[in-house]
Amino acid sequence: SELFAKPASKGLKAPIHQDNYYWCIKNGNALTVWVALDPVSSKNGGLTYYNATHKLGVVKHKPSFAKGSSQTVSNNIKYKKYKRFCPKLTPGDALFHHSEIIHGSSANKSGLRRRGLTFQFKDSKAKYDTKMKKKYLKSLNKQIMLREQERLI
C-alpha cells in the first residue's frame, strides 16, 4: 500500500505510466485499488486514465527524471488516441485499475489538497518476469546515477 499526498498548490505530477512496468508481473495479472481521502478532480491533480490501454500490454517507457516516479511512457507510444478521462471522486470512493492501464496525474495547483491511499494486488499464481525486472532496474540505476552526477555539478 502507498499514500499519495498532493498538498494544496504544490503537489507534484505523476508522469503517464503503467504500474506493471515497475512491478514486472508476467501477463500483468494485477491491479491497484485507489481510495480517495479528499475530493479529487482534474482541478487538484486527479488521476487521468487512457481507456482500454491495458490491452496494449506493457509498452516502452523511458526515464522521467520526475521526483517520486522514475519512468514515463515513451513518446512513440500512441496512447493519446485513446479516450482520456479523469474521474471525480469524493472521500471514500475507490478506483480499481489494471496494472497495465496507462495513467498519471497532473500537478496540484489548486488550493485543495489531494490524498489517496492505494492497495496493490497480484494473482496468487503470478510470476515475476526476471528479464523485464532486470531491464527496469538497469534503467532505474542509470537514472539514479545521472541524477547523482547532476547533483554534484
N, C-alpha and C. Protein backbone atom coordinates (compact mmCIF):
# COMPACT_ATOMS: atom_id res chain seq x y z
N SER A 1 0.85 -1.19 0.00
CA SER A 1 0.00 0.00 0.00
C SER A 1 0.89 1.24 0.00
N GLU A 2 0.31 2.34 -0.48
CA GLU A 2 1.04 3.61 -0.56
C GLU A 2 0.07 4.74 -0.26
N LEU A 3 0.61 5.83 0.25
CA LEU A 3 -0.16 7.06 0.42
C LEU A 3 0.35 8.06 -0.61
N PHE A 4 -0.57 8.59 -1.42
CA PHE A 4 -0.23 9.64 -2.38
C PHE A 4 -0.81 10.93 -1.83
N ALA A 5 0.06 11.87 -1.49
CA ALA A 5 -0.38 13.12 -0.89
C ALA A 5 0.09 14.29 -1.75
N LYS A 6 -0.87 15.01 -2.30
CA LYS A 6 -0.56 16.20 -3.10
C LYS A 6 -1.03 17.40 -2.29
N PRO A 7 -0.10 18.11 -1.67
CA PRO A 7 -0.50 19.29 -0.91
C PRO A 7 -1.11 20.35 -1.82
N ALA A 8 -1.95 21.16 -1.24
CA ALA A 8 -2.56 22.27 -1.98
C ALA A 8 -1.47 23.14 -2.60
N SER A 9 -1.66 23.53 -3.83
CA SER A 9 -0.82 24.47 -4.57
C SER A 9 0.57 23.98 -4.96
N LYS A 10 1.00 22.81 -4.48
CA LYS A 10 2.37 22.39 -4.80
C LYS A 10 2.55 20.88 -4.96
N GLY A 11 1.46 20.14 -5.11
CA GLY A 11 1.57 18.70 -5.30
C GLY A 11 2.18 18.37 -6.66
N LEU A 12 3.08 17.42 -6.70
CA LEU A 12 3.79 17.05 -7.92
C LEU A 12 2.92 16.23 -8.87
N LYS A 13 3.26 16.27 -10.13
CA LYS A 13 2.57 15.44 -11.12
C LYS A 13 3.16 14.03 -11.06
N ALA A 14 2.39 13.07 -11.54
CA ALA A 14 2.87 11.70 -11.72
C ALA A 14 2.87 11.45 -13.22
N PRO A 15 4.03 11.31 -13.84
CA PRO A 15 4.09 11.12 -15.28
C PRO A 15 3.24 9.93 -15.74
N ILE A 16 2.78 9.99 -16.98
CA ILE A 16 2.00 8.91 -17.57
C ILE A 16 2.83 7.63 -17.55
N HIS A 17 2.26 6.54 -17.03
CA HIS A 17 3.00 5.29 -16.87
C HIS A 17 2.03 4.11 -16.77
N GLN A 18 2.60 2.93 -16.65
CA GLN A 18 1.87 1.71 -16.33
C GLN A 18 2.49 1.12 -15.07
N ASP A 19 1.67 0.73 -14.13
CA ASP A 19 2.19 0.16 -12.88
C ASP A 19 3.05 -1.09 -13.14
N ASN A 20 2.62 -1.92 -14.09
CA ASN A 20 3.35 -3.16 -14.31
C ASN A 20 4.72 -2.95 -14.93
N TYR A 21 5.02 -1.77 -15.43
CA TYR A 21 6.38 -1.51 -15.87
C TYR A 21 7.32 -1.59 -14.66
N TYR A 22 6.83 -1.16 -13.50
CA TYR A 22 7.61 -1.22 -12.26
C TYR A 22 7.53 -2.61 -11.62
N TRP A 23 6.35 -3.21 -11.66
CA TRP A 23 6.12 -4.46 -10.94
C TRP A 23 6.69 -5.68 -11.63
N CYS A 24 6.67 -5.68 -12.98
CA CYS A 24 7.25 -6.77 -13.77
C CYS A 24 6.58 -8.12 -13.54
N ILE A 25 5.27 -8.13 -13.52
CA ILE A 25 4.50 -9.36 -13.33
C ILE A 25 4.12 -9.93 -14.69
N LYS A 26 4.44 -11.20 -14.91
CA LYS A 26 4.09 -11.85 -16.17
C LYS A 26 2.59 -11.77 -16.39
N ASN A 27 2.19 -11.45 -17.61
CA ASN A 27 0.79 -11.32 -18.01
C ASN A 27 0.05 -10.18 -17.33
N GLY A 28 0.71 -9.38 -16.52
CA GLY A 28 0.11 -8.20 -15.91
C GLY A 28 -1.11 -8.49 -15.06
N ASN A 29 -1.20 -9.68 -14.52
CA ASN A 29 -2.39 -10.08 -13.78
C ASN A 29 -2.36 -9.50 -12.36
N ALA A 30 -2.59 -8.18 -12.29
CA ALA A 30 -2.54 -7.46 -11.03
C ALA A 30 -3.38 -6.20 -11.13
N LEU A 31 -3.69 -5.61 -10.00
CA LEU A 31 -4.49 -4.38 -10.00
C LEU A 31 -4.16 -3.50 -8.82
N THR A 32 -4.60 -2.25 -8.94
CA THR A 32 -4.47 -1.26 -7.87
C THR A 32 -5.86 -0.81 -7.48
N VAL A 33 -6.07 -0.67 -6.18
CA VAL A 33 -7.28 -0.04 -5.65
C VAL A 33 -6.82 1.30 -5.10
N TRP A 34 -7.40 2.39 -5.61
CA TRP A 34 -7.04 3.76 -5.23
C TRP A 34 -8.23 4.37 -4.49
N VAL A 35 -8.05 4.66 -3.20
CA VAL A 35 -9.13 5.17 -2.36
C VAL A 35 -8.91 6.66 -2.09
N ALA A 36 -9.90 7.46 -2.42
CA ALA A 36 -9.82 8.91 -2.21
C ALA A 36 -9.99 9.24 -0.74
N LEU A 37 -9.10 10.07 -0.22
CA LEU A 37 -9.21 10.57 1.15
C LEU A 37 -9.71 12.00 1.18
N ASP A 38 -9.68 12.65 0.02
CA ASP A 38 -10.17 14.02 -0.16
C ASP A 38 -11.00 14.04 -1.45
N PRO A 39 -11.76 15.10 -1.68
CA PRO A 39 -12.39 15.24 -3.00
C PRO A 39 -11.28 15.29 -4.07
N VAL A 40 -11.51 14.61 -5.19
CA VAL A 40 -10.50 14.51 -6.25
C VAL A 40 -11.14 14.86 -7.59
N SER A 41 -10.43 15.69 -8.35
CA SER A 41 -10.86 16.01 -9.72
C SER A 41 -9.63 16.47 -10.50
N SER A 42 -9.84 16.84 -11.74
CA SER A 42 -8.72 17.34 -12.55
C SER A 42 -8.16 18.63 -11.97
N LYS A 43 -8.96 19.35 -11.19
CA LYS A 43 -8.51 20.63 -10.62
C LYS A 43 -7.40 20.47 -9.59
N ASN A 44 -7.39 19.34 -8.86
CA ASN A 44 -6.37 19.16 -7.83
C ASN A 44 -5.46 17.96 -8.11
N GLY A 45 -5.23 17.68 -9.38
CA GLY A 45 -4.27 16.63 -9.74
C GLY A 45 -4.83 15.23 -9.70
N GLY A 46 -6.09 15.07 -10.06
CA GLY A 46 -6.71 13.75 -10.07
C GLY A 46 -6.08 12.82 -11.10
N LEU A 47 -6.33 11.54 -10.93
CA LEU A 47 -5.81 10.53 -11.85
C LEU A 47 -6.45 10.66 -13.23
N THR A 48 -5.63 10.54 -14.26
CA THR A 48 -6.09 10.54 -15.64
C THR A 48 -5.77 9.18 -16.23
N TYR A 49 -6.78 8.56 -16.81
CA TYR A 49 -6.64 7.25 -17.44
C TYR A 49 -6.83 7.37 -18.95
N TYR A 50 -6.23 6.45 -19.68
CA TYR A 50 -6.45 6.32 -21.12
C TYR A 50 -7.16 5.00 -21.33
N ASN A 51 -8.44 5.09 -21.66
CA ASN A 51 -9.35 3.96 -21.72
C ASN A 51 -8.82 2.82 -22.60
N ALA A 52 -8.89 1.60 -22.08
CA ALA A 52 -8.57 0.36 -22.79
C ALA A 52 -7.09 0.18 -23.13
N THR A 53 -6.20 1.02 -22.64
CA THR A 53 -4.78 0.89 -22.97
C THR A 53 -4.14 -0.32 -22.29
N HIS A 54 -4.81 -0.91 -21.33
CA HIS A 54 -4.26 -2.13 -20.71
C HIS A 54 -4.17 -3.26 -21.74
N LYS A 55 -4.94 -3.16 -22.82
CA LYS A 55 -4.93 -4.18 -23.88
C LYS A 55 -3.64 -4.12 -24.71
N LEU A 56 -2.86 -3.07 -24.56
CA LEU A 56 -1.61 -2.92 -25.30
C LEU A 56 -0.49 -3.78 -24.71
N GLY A 57 -0.67 -4.27 -23.49
CA GLY A 57 0.42 -4.93 -22.78
C GLY A 57 1.36 -3.86 -22.25
N VAL A 58 2.48 -4.27 -21.72
CA VAL A 58 3.44 -3.30 -21.20
C VAL A 58 4.13 -2.63 -22.39
N VAL A 59 4.05 -1.30 -22.44
CA VAL A 59 4.64 -0.54 -23.53
C VAL A 59 6.01 0.00 -23.11
N LYS A 60 6.74 0.51 -24.08
CA LYS A 60 8.07 1.05 -23.81
C LYS A 60 7.95 2.30 -22.92
N HIS A 61 8.82 2.37 -21.94
CA HIS A 61 8.92 3.52 -21.05
C HIS A 61 10.32 4.12 -21.19
N LYS A 62 10.47 5.31 -20.68
CA LYS A 62 11.78 5.97 -20.65
C LYS A 62 11.91 6.67 -19.30
N PRO A 63 13.13 7.01 -18.90
CA PRO A 63 13.30 7.73 -17.63
C PRO A 63 12.53 9.04 -17.63
N SER A 64 11.86 9.33 -16.52
CA SER A 64 11.07 10.57 -16.42
C SER A 64 11.84 11.69 -15.71
N PHE A 65 12.78 11.32 -14.86
CA PHE A 65 13.52 12.26 -14.03
C PHE A 65 12.57 13.08 -13.13
N ALA A 66 11.37 12.57 -12.91
CA ALA A 66 10.41 13.22 -12.02
C ALA A 66 10.60 12.69 -10.60
N LYS A 67 10.48 13.56 -9.63
CA LYS A 67 10.58 13.13 -8.24
C LYS A 67 9.44 12.16 -7.93
N GLY A 68 9.80 11.01 -7.35
CA GLY A 68 8.79 10.05 -6.91
C GLY A 68 8.27 9.11 -7.99
N SER A 69 8.69 9.30 -9.23
CA SER A 69 8.21 8.45 -10.32
C SER A 69 9.29 8.39 -11.39
N SER A 70 10.00 7.27 -11.46
CA SER A 70 11.21 7.22 -12.27
C SER A 70 11.00 7.00 -13.77
N GLN A 71 9.80 6.58 -14.19
CA GLN A 71 9.58 6.23 -15.59
C GLN A 71 8.33 6.90 -16.15
N THR A 72 8.29 7.01 -17.46
CA THR A 72 7.11 7.52 -18.16
C THR A 72 7.01 6.81 -19.51
N VAL A 73 5.80 6.72 -20.04
CA VAL A 73 5.59 6.08 -21.33
C VAL A 73 6.38 6.84 -22.40
N SER A 74 7.05 6.11 -23.28
CA SER A 74 7.84 6.71 -24.35
C SER A 74 6.97 7.53 -25.30
N ASN A 75 7.56 8.54 -25.89
CA ASN A 75 6.85 9.43 -26.80
C ASN A 75 6.29 8.72 -28.03
N ASN A 76 6.92 7.63 -28.45
CA ASN A 76 6.48 6.96 -29.68
C ASN A 76 5.27 6.03 -29.47
N ILE A 77 4.78 5.92 -28.26
CA ILE A 77 3.59 5.11 -27.98
C ILE A 77 2.37 5.99 -28.23
N LYS A 78 1.44 5.51 -29.02
CA LYS A 78 0.28 6.31 -29.46
C LYS A 78 -0.90 6.20 -28.48
N TYR A 79 -0.66 6.38 -27.19
CA TYR A 79 -1.73 6.25 -26.20
C TYR A 79 -2.73 7.40 -26.25
N LYS A 80 -2.33 8.54 -26.78
CA LYS A 80 -3.22 9.71 -26.80
C LYS A 80 -4.42 9.54 -27.73
N LYS A 81 -4.39 8.54 -28.59
CA LYS A 81 -5.54 8.29 -29.46
C LYS A 81 -6.68 7.62 -28.68
N TYR A 82 -6.39 7.15 -27.48
CA TYR A 82 -7.41 6.53 -26.63
C TYR A 82 -8.15 7.60 -25.84
N LYS A 83 -9.41 7.32 -25.53
CA LYS A 83 -10.21 8.28 -24.77
C LYS A 83 -9.58 8.50 -23.39
N ARG A 84 -9.42 9.75 -23.05
CA ARG A 84 -8.83 10.16 -21.77
C ARG A 84 -9.94 10.52 -20.80
N PHE A 85 -9.81 10.11 -19.55
CA PHE A 85 -10.81 10.52 -18.56
C PHE A 85 -10.18 10.66 -17.18
N CYS A 86 -10.74 11.60 -16.43
CA CYS A 86 -10.28 11.89 -15.07
C CYS A 86 -11.51 11.85 -14.16
N PRO A 87 -11.73 10.73 -13.46
CA PRO A 87 -12.93 10.61 -12.64
C PRO A 87 -12.93 11.57 -11.45
N LYS A 88 -14.11 12.10 -11.14
CA LYS A 88 -14.29 12.90 -9.92
C LYS A 88 -14.64 11.95 -8.79
N LEU A 89 -13.99 12.16 -7.65
CA LEU A 89 -14.19 11.27 -6.50
C LEU A 89 -14.52 12.07 -5.26
N THR A 90 -15.25 11.45 -4.36
CA THR A 90 -15.47 12.01 -3.04
C THR A 90 -14.75 11.12 -2.04
N PRO A 91 -14.45 11.61 -0.85
CA PRO A 91 -13.74 10.77 0.12
C PRO A 91 -14.45 9.43 0.34
N GLY A 92 -13.65 8.37 0.26
CA GLY A 92 -14.17 7.02 0.41
C GLY A 92 -14.44 6.31 -0.91
N ASP A 93 -14.55 7.07 -2.01
CA ASP A 93 -14.72 6.44 -3.32
C ASP A 93 -13.44 5.66 -3.66
N ALA A 94 -13.59 4.57 -4.40
CA ALA A 94 -12.44 3.76 -4.78
C ALA A 94 -12.42 3.52 -6.28
N LEU A 95 -11.23 3.59 -6.85
CA LEU A 95 -11.00 3.23 -8.24
C LEU A 95 -10.23 1.91 -8.26
N PHE A 96 -10.56 1.06 -9.20
CA PHE A 96 -9.82 -0.18 -9.41
C PHE A 96 -9.22 -0.08 -10.81
N HIS A 97 -7.91 -0.24 -10.92
CA HIS A 97 -7.34 -0.23 -12.26
C HIS A 97 -6.33 -1.35 -12.48
N HIS A 98 -6.34 -1.84 -13.72
CA HIS A 98 -5.45 -2.91 -14.17
C HIS A 98 -4.01 -2.41 -14.13
N SER A 99 -3.09 -3.30 -13.88
CA SER A 99 -1.67 -2.92 -13.77
C SER A 99 -1.06 -2.39 -15.07
N GLU A 100 -1.77 -2.59 -16.19
CA GLU A 100 -1.20 -2.15 -17.46
C GLU A 100 -1.99 -1.00 -18.11
N ILE A 101 -2.95 -0.43 -17.39
CA ILE A 101 -3.65 0.73 -17.95
C ILE A 101 -2.70 1.93 -17.88
N ILE A 102 -2.65 2.71 -18.92
CA ILE A 102 -1.80 3.90 -18.94
C ILE A 102 -2.51 5.01 -18.18
N HIS A 103 -1.81 5.59 -17.22
CA HIS A 103 -2.40 6.61 -16.37
C HIS A 103 -1.32 7.51 -15.76
N GLY A 104 -1.74 8.59 -15.15
CA GLY A 104 -0.85 9.52 -14.47
C GLY A 104 -1.70 10.61 -13.86
N SER A 105 -1.08 11.68 -13.42
CA SER A 105 -1.83 12.79 -12.85
C SER A 105 -1.06 14.09 -13.03
N SER A 106 -1.80 15.17 -13.08
CA SER A 106 -1.17 16.48 -13.22
C SER A 106 -0.78 17.02 -11.86
N ALA A 107 -0.01 18.08 -11.87
CA ALA A 107 0.37 18.74 -10.61
C ALA A 107 -0.88 19.34 -9.97
N ASN A 108 -0.83 19.48 -8.67
CA ASN A 108 -1.94 20.12 -7.95
C ASN A 108 -1.61 21.58 -7.74
N LYS A 109 -2.23 22.43 -8.54
CA LYS A 109 -2.02 23.87 -8.42
C LYS A 109 -3.20 24.56 -7.74
N SER A 110 -4.16 23.77 -7.30
CA SER A 110 -5.35 24.32 -6.66
C SER A 110 -5.08 24.60 -5.17
N GLY A 111 -6.03 25.18 -4.52
CA GLY A 111 -5.94 25.42 -3.09
C GLY A 111 -6.44 24.25 -2.26
N LEU A 112 -6.69 23.11 -2.91
CA LEU A 112 -7.23 21.92 -2.23
C LEU A 112 -6.20 20.80 -2.22
N ARG A 113 -6.03 20.15 -1.10
CA ARG A 113 -5.12 19.00 -1.08
C ARG A 113 -5.79 17.82 -1.79
N ARG A 114 -4.96 16.85 -2.21
CA ARG A 114 -5.47 15.64 -2.85
C ARG A 114 -4.67 14.45 -2.35
N ARG A 115 -5.36 13.67 -1.51
CA ARG A 115 -4.71 12.48 -0.95
C ARG A 115 -5.45 11.23 -1.39
N GLY A 116 -4.68 10.17 -1.60
CA GLY A 116 -5.26 8.88 -1.95
C GLY A 116 -4.43 7.76 -1.37
N LEU A 117 -5.10 6.72 -0.97
CA LEU A 117 -4.44 5.54 -0.40
C LEU A 117 -4.59 4.41 -1.40
N THR A 118 -3.50 3.71 -1.72
CA THR A 118 -3.58 2.63 -2.69
C THR A 118 -3.23 1.29 -2.05
N PHE A 119 -3.81 0.28 -2.65
CA PHE A 119 -3.52 -1.11 -2.29
C PHE A 119 -3.29 -1.85 -3.60
N GLN A 120 -2.21 -2.60 -3.68
CA GLN A 120 -1.89 -3.33 -4.89
C GLN A 120 -2.06 -4.83 -4.64
N PHE A 121 -2.61 -5.51 -5.65
CA PHE A 121 -2.84 -6.94 -5.55
C PHE A 121 -2.37 -7.62 -6.83
N LYS A 122 -1.83 -8.83 -6.68
CA LYS A 122 -1.47 -9.64 -7.83
C LYS A 122 -2.08 -11.02 -7.64
N ASP A 123 -2.28 -11.72 -8.75
CA ASP A 123 -2.78 -13.07 -8.71
C ASP A 123 -1.85 -13.93 -7.85
N SER A 124 -2.40 -14.78 -7.03
CA SER A 124 -1.57 -15.60 -6.14
C SER A 124 -0.64 -16.53 -6.92
N LYS A 125 -0.96 -16.82 -8.17
CA LYS A 125 -0.12 -17.68 -9.01
C LYS A 125 0.78 -16.88 -9.94
N ALA A 126 0.74 -15.56 -9.83
CA ALA A 126 1.53 -14.71 -10.73
C ALA A 126 3.02 -14.92 -10.50
N LYS A 127 3.74 -14.85 -11.58
CA LYS A 127 5.20 -14.98 -11.55
C LYS A 127 5.81 -13.66 -12.02
N TYR A 128 7.00 -13.38 -11.53
CA TYR A 128 7.71 -12.18 -11.95
C TYR A 128 8.52 -12.47 -13.21
N ASP A 129 8.57 -11.51 -14.11
CA ASP A 129 9.34 -11.60 -15.33
C ASP A 129 10.74 -11.08 -15.03
N THR A 130 11.70 -11.98 -14.87
CA THR A 130 13.04 -11.58 -14.45
C THR A 130 13.76 -10.74 -15.51
N LYS A 131 13.52 -11.01 -16.80
CA LYS A 131 14.15 -10.20 -17.86
C LYS A 131 13.60 -8.77 -17.81
N MET A 132 12.29 -8.66 -17.62
CA MET A 132 11.65 -7.35 -17.55
C MET A 132 12.16 -6.58 -16.32
N LYS A 133 12.29 -7.27 -15.21
CA LYS A 133 12.77 -6.65 -13.97
C LYS A 133 14.21 -6.17 -14.14
N LYS A 134 15.03 -6.98 -14.77
CA LYS A 134 16.43 -6.61 -14.99
C LYS A 134 16.53 -5.36 -15.86
N LYS A 135 15.71 -5.30 -16.92
CA LYS A 135 15.68 -4.14 -17.81
C LYS A 135 15.24 -2.88 -17.05
N TYR A 136 14.18 -3.01 -16.24
CA TYR A 136 13.70 -1.88 -15.45
C TYR A 136 14.78 -1.41 -14.48
N LEU A 137 15.39 -2.33 -13.75
CA LEU A 137 16.41 -1.94 -12.77
C LEU A 137 17.62 -1.29 -13.43
N LYS A 138 17.97 -1.75 -14.62
CA LYS A 138 19.09 -1.12 -15.36
C LYS A 138 18.74 0.34 -15.67
N SER A 139 17.52 0.57 -16.15
CA SER A 139 17.07 1.93 -16.46
C SER A 139 17.02 2.79 -15.19
N LEU A 140 16.48 2.22 -14.13
CA LEU A 140 16.38 2.95 -12.87
C LEU A 140 17.77 3.32 -12.34
N ASN A 141 18.67 2.36 -12.33
CA ASN A 141 20.02 2.63 -11.81
C ASN A 141 20.75 3.68 -12.65
N LYS A 142 20.55 3.65 -13.96
CA LYS A 142 21.16 4.66 -14.83
C LYS A 142 20.62 6.05 -14.47
N GLN A 143 19.32 6.12 -14.26
CA GLN A 143 18.70 7.41 -13.90
C GLN A 143 19.21 7.91 -12.55
N ILE A 144 19.34 7.02 -11.61
CA ILE A 144 19.87 7.40 -10.28
C ILE A 144 21.29 7.92 -10.42
N MET A 145 22.10 7.25 -11.23
CA MET A 145 23.49 7.68 -11.46
C MET A 145 23.51 9.08 -12.10
N LEU A 146 22.67 9.30 -13.11
CA LEU A 146 22.63 10.59 -13.78
C LEU A 146 22.15 11.70 -12.83
N ARG A 147 21.17 11.38 -12.00
CA ARG A 147 20.70 12.36 -11.01
C ARG A 147 21.81 12.72 -10.04
N GLU A 148 22.56 11.70 -9.61
CA GLU A 148 23.66 11.93 -8.66
C GLU A 148 24.74 12.79 -9.31
N GLN A 149 25.08 12.52 -10.57
CA GLN A 149 26.07 13.31 -11.28
C GLN A 149 25.60 14.77 -11.41
N GLU A 150 24.34 14.95 -11.73
CA GLU A 150 23.78 16.29 -11.89
C GLU A 150 23.83 17.05 -10.56
N ARG A 151 23.56 16.33 -9.46
CA ARG A 151 23.58 16.96 -8.15
C ARG A 151 24.98 17.42 -7.77
N LEU A 152 25.99 16.68 -8.23
CA LEU A 152 27.38 17.02 -7.90
C LEU A 152 27.93 18.17 -8.72
N ILE A 153 27.28 18.46 -9.84
CA ILE A 153 27.79 19.54 -10.72
C ILE A 153 27.47 20.90 -10.16
